C-alpha cells in the first residue's frame, strides 16, 4: 500500500476526509465517460466494516469523487449534517443507530434533490426490503455483492447532462 492509500484508509476509517490532496480536488472537475468535465460528487460511506468503507472509498476516489467515512449511523448523521454530501451510502446493520433510522433522520432534513440516500445490504434485496427502504426515505438500494456496478450506475445517472437526481427506489 502506498503512502496516499494508507492515508486514505486511515481517514475513511476515522470519518475524516478520504480524498485526494487539496490541489487535486480543488480543481472541482473530473472527466466523465463522454470526456466532458464533471464536478466530483461528495459521497459519505457509512458502514461498521472498515474494509468495506476503505475499499469503496478507494474505488470512488479513483473515479474522482470526494469521500468521507462513518463507522455507525450516529456518526453518519453527524458527518452528513456538517459536510452535506450528494450521496450517503448506508449499511442497514450498524451499531448505535442503524441505517434505517439514520435514513429517516437525514430524509427529514434533506430532500432527495439535495442528498441521495442509498441503502447497502449484504442480505437479499427482496420486494419487502425495498419497500421498507423506500418508506424509510432511501432513494435506491444496492446489494453489497454487486455494490461497485450498482453504485457506478447510480452515480453516472446522477451526473448525466441535464439528468436530475433519481428519487424512486429501484
Protein backbone atom coordinates (compact mmCIF):
# COMPACT_ATOMS: atom_id res chain seq x y z
CA UNK A 1 0.00 0.00 0.00
CA UNK A 2 1.48 3.37 -0.93
CA UNK A 3 1.51 6.45 1.33
CA UNK A 4 -1.60 8.05 -0.24
CA UNK A 5 -3.63 4.82 0.02
CA UNK A 6 -2.58 4.40 3.65
CA UNK A 7 -3.64 7.96 4.46
CA UNK A 8 -6.94 7.49 2.62
CA UNK A 9 -7.71 4.29 4.51
CA UNK A 10 -6.92 5.94 7.84
CA UNK A 11 -9.13 8.95 7.12
CA UNK A 12 -12.04 6.88 5.77
CA UNK A 13 -11.92 4.67 8.85
CA UNK A 14 -11.78 7.71 11.13
CA UNK A 15 -14.68 9.51 9.44
CA UNK A 16 -12.44 12.25 8.09
CA UNK A 17 -12.00 13.40 4.53
CA UNK A 18 -10.81 10.48 2.46
CA UNK A 19 -9.94 12.08 -0.78
CA UNK A 20 -7.06 13.20 -2.94
CA UNK A 21 -4.84 16.04 -1.72
CA UNK A 22 -6.46 19.51 -1.93
CA UNK A 23 -4.54 20.50 -5.03
CA UNK A 24 -6.11 17.60 -6.93
CA UNK A 25 -9.71 18.03 -5.74
CA UNK A 26 -9.83 21.81 -5.62
CA UNK A 27 -9.85 21.88 -9.40
CA UNK A 28 -13.51 20.94 -8.98
CA UNK A 29 -13.91 18.88 -12.13
CA UNK A 30 -13.19 15.43 -13.49
CA UNK A 31 -13.65 13.76 -16.84
CA UNK A 32 -16.80 11.70 -17.35
CA UNK A 33 -17.12 8.70 -19.66
CA UNK A 34 -18.03 11.00 -22.54
CA UNK A 35 -14.90 13.12 -21.92
CA UNK A 36 -16.85 16.12 -20.60
CA UNK A 37 -15.69 17.74 -17.39
CA UNK A 38 -17.91 16.95 -14.40
CA UNK A 39 -17.88 18.15 -10.82
CA UNK A 40 -16.87 15.38 -8.40
CA UNK A 41 -19.61 14.09 -6.15
CA UNK A 42 -19.33 14.20 -2.36
CA UNK A 43 -20.03 10.70 -1.05
CA UNK A 44 -20.35 9.54 2.55
CA UNK A 45 -19.86 5.82 3.20
CA UNK A 46 -21.44 4.60 6.45
CA UNK A 47 -20.54 1.03 7.30
CA UNK A 48 -19.30 -0.58 10.51
CA UNK A 49 -16.88 -2.69 8.45
CA UNK A 50 -13.61 -0.78 7.95
CA UNK A 51 -12.60 -2.99 4.96
CA UNK A 52 -15.90 -2.19 3.20
CA UNK A 53 -15.52 1.56 3.86
CA UNK A 54 -11.87 1.57 2.78
CA UNK A 55 -12.35 -0.41 -0.42
CA UNK A 56 -15.36 1.63 -1.53
CA UNK A 57 -13.55 4.87 -0.64
CA UNK A 58 -10.55 3.91 -2.78
CA UNK A 59 -12.74 2.95 -5.73
CA UNK A 60 -14.81 6.13 -5.53
CA UNK A 61 -11.72 8.31 -5.15
CA UNK A 62 -10.21 6.62 -8.20
CA UNK A 63 -13.38 7.69 -10.03
CA UNK A 64 -12.61 11.28 -8.98
CA UNK A 65 -15.12 11.72 -6.14
CA UNK A 66 -14.64 13.22 -2.68
CA UNK A 67 -15.26 10.64 0.05
CA UNK A 68 -15.71 10.55 3.80
CA UNK A 69 -16.47 7.59 6.05
CA UNK A 70 -18.55 6.87 9.16
CA UNK A 71 -18.45 3.74 11.29
CA UNK A 72 -22.03 3.87 12.61
CA UNK A 73 -25.36 5.54 11.96
CA UNK A 74 -24.92 8.27 14.58
CA UNK A 75 -21.61 9.34 13.08
CA UNK A 76 -23.13 9.17 9.57
CA UNK A 77 -25.89 11.61 10.53
CA UNK A 78 -23.39 13.99 12.16
CA UNK A 79 -20.99 13.94 9.20
CA UNK A 80 -23.83 14.32 6.68
CA UNK A 81 -25.26 17.31 8.53
CA UNK A 82 -21.87 19.06 8.56
CA UNK A 83 -20.49 18.03 5.16
CA UNK A 84 -23.71 17.83 3.07
CA UNK A 85 -22.73 15.01 0.69
CA UNK A 86 -24.51 14.35 -2.60
CA UNK A 87 -24.78 10.64 -1.77
CA UNK A 88 -24.90 8.80 1.55
CA UNK A 89 -24.28 5.06 1.31
CA UNK A 90 -25.79 3.49 4.44
CA UNK A 91 -25.32 -0.06 5.60
CA UNK A 92 -28.59 -1.10 7.24
CA UNK A 93 -26.97 -3.08 10.08
CA UNK A 94 -24.78 -0.69 12.09
CA UNK A 95 -24.26 -0.06 15.80
CA UNK A 96 -25.67 2.92 17.75
CA UNK A 97 -28.12 3.93 15.00
CA UNK A 98 -28.97 1.52 12.19
CA UNK A 99 -29.17 2.58 8.56
CA UNK A 100 -32.98 2.74 8.55
CA UNK A 101 -33.07 5.18 11.48
CA UNK A 102 -30.18 7.21 10.03
CA UNK A 103 -32.06 7.44 6.71
CA UNK A 104 -35.24 8.63 8.43
CA UNK A 105 -33.27 11.29 10.31
CA UNK A 106 -31.47 12.53 7.21
CA UNK A 107 -34.53 12.40 4.95
CA UNK A 108 -36.45 14.59 7.42
CA UNK A 109 -33.74 17.25 6.95
CA UNK A 110 -32.63 16.82 3.34
CA UNK A 111 -34.86 16.11 0.31
CA UNK A 112 -33.68 13.72 -2.39
CA UNK A 113 -32.67 16.51 -4.74
CA UNK A 114 -30.09 17.65 -2.14
CA UNK A 115 -28.93 14.30 -0.76
CA UNK A 116 -29.41 10.83 -2.22
CA UNK A 117 -29.68 8.03 0.35
CA UNK A 118 -28.56 4.61 -0.85
CA UNK A 119 -29.14 1.51 1.26
CA UNK A 120 -26.34 -1.04 1.14
CA UNK A 121 -27.21 -4.53 2.24
CA UNK A 122 -25.44 -7.85 2.45
CA UNK A 123 -28.80 -9.64 2.58
CA UNK A 124 -31.08 -10.39 -0.35
CA UNK A 125 -32.94 -7.32 -1.54
CA UNK A 126 -36.44 -8.68 -1.96
CA UNK A 127 -39.50 -6.52 -2.62
CA UNK A 128 -40.36 -6.27 1.09
CA UNK A 129 -36.85 -5.00 1.92
CA UNK A 130 -37.00 -2.49 -0.93
CA UNK A 131 -40.45 -1.25 0.16
CA UNK A 132 -39.18 -0.80 3.72
CA UNK A 133 -36.19 1.12 2.39
CA UNK A 134 -38.39 3.42 0.35
CA UNK A 135 -40.63 4.06 3.38
CA UNK A 136 -37.53 4.97 5.43
CA UNK A 137 -36.51 7.55 2.83
CA UNK A 138 -33.93 5.68 0.78
CA UNK A 139 -33.73 6.62 -2.88
CA UNK A 140 -32.04 3.42 -4.02
CA UNK A 141 -30.81 0.06 -2.76
CA UNK A 142 -27.68 -1.82 -3.73
CA UNK A 143 -26.52 -5.28 -2.82
CA UNK A 144 -23.01 -5.21 -1.35
CA UNK A 145 -22.08 -8.16 -3.54
CA UNK A 146 -22.73 -6.03 -6.62
CA UNK A 147 -22.04 -2.67 -4.96
CA UNK A 148 -19.48 -1.35 -7.42
CA UNK A 149 -21.59 -1.99 -10.52
CA UNK A 150 -24.81 -0.71 -8.94
CA UNK A 151 -23.12 2.30 -7.43
CA UNK A 152 -21.35 3.25 -10.62
CA UNK A 153 -24.70 3.14 -12.48
CA UNK A 154 -26.35 5.39 -9.85
CA UNK A 155 -23.51 7.91 -9.90
CA UNK A 156 -23.39 8.01 -13.69
CA UNK A 157 -27.17 8.57 -13.83
CA UNK A 158 -26.98 11.47 -11.40
CA UNK A 159 -24.11 13.09 -13.29
CA UNK A 160 -25.62 12.83 -16.77
CA UNK A 161 -26.17 16.08 -18.63
CA UNK A 162 -29.47 17.60 -17.57
CA UNK A 163 -30.29 14.48 -15.59
CA UNK A 164 -31.99 15.20 -12.27
CA UNK A 165 -31.15 13.03 -9.29
CA UNK A 166 -33.44 10.00 -9.23
CA UNK A 167 -35.98 9.70 -6.42
CA UNK A 168 -37.52 6.28 -6.97
CA UNK A 169 -36.26 3.16 -5.26
CA UNK A 170 -35.19 0.70 -7.92
